Structures are given as structure tokens and as C-alpha cells.
């Protein structure tokens, strides 16, 4: 997926407006932002930082550990050009495996796209 700064920003803005109790929706928007932003260093890093924060809010130690690992891997992935395109960035999937974009993530991206004037 091509990077689009406006779509990435809209996904993160929507994430920030959701109540902290909307766990599933918040994670979906972060996963969508990851897919959109993972080919650019700063958006990729920022998305994993937000994922770490969300994992901390949810007291999910496994996800927190996974996000710390991913934060450390982001620079290496960008330096080597080995980015797992389509990967949602969560700890429950391999940090190295390219994937097809899930339908729910594609829908979240499409909704963010349709709100751009």
C-alpha cells in the first residue's frame, strides 16, 4: 500500500477521538494506520509508539513486549528495506511476515479515504 499522509493522519485522529473503552475499534484504527504508514520511518515508528501506549492502557504485557520489540526493529527494517508489507503490526503476528491486508483493516482505510475532501 502506498503511503498517504492524509489517510494516516485521519486514522490516528479518529483513534484519538474514540473512548478508551472502545478497545477493538481503537486497535483496528492503529492496525490500519500501521498498514498505511509502515513504508515511512516516522509514521511507522509513531504508530508502534501509540500501539505500545494502547497495550499499556489495556495492561496487556504480551502486546507491550511485542511493541517494544517492534519499536527496536523499525529502524533496522527501514535501513535494510525489509518491511512486512500489509502486516497489521500487532504482537499476535510475526514481525517479519508480509500479509494480505485484512478486510476490516481495508474497510477502515477506505472510510478514512472517503472523508478526504
Foldseek 3Di string as FASTA:
>chain_A
DEADPQLLVLLVVVLVPDDLVPLVSNLLSLLLSCLRPLLPLPSNLVSLVVQLVNCVVVVPVQQNVQSVVVNVCSVVCNVVVQAQHQGSSTSVDDRRHNDNNDPSSVVSSVVSVVVDD
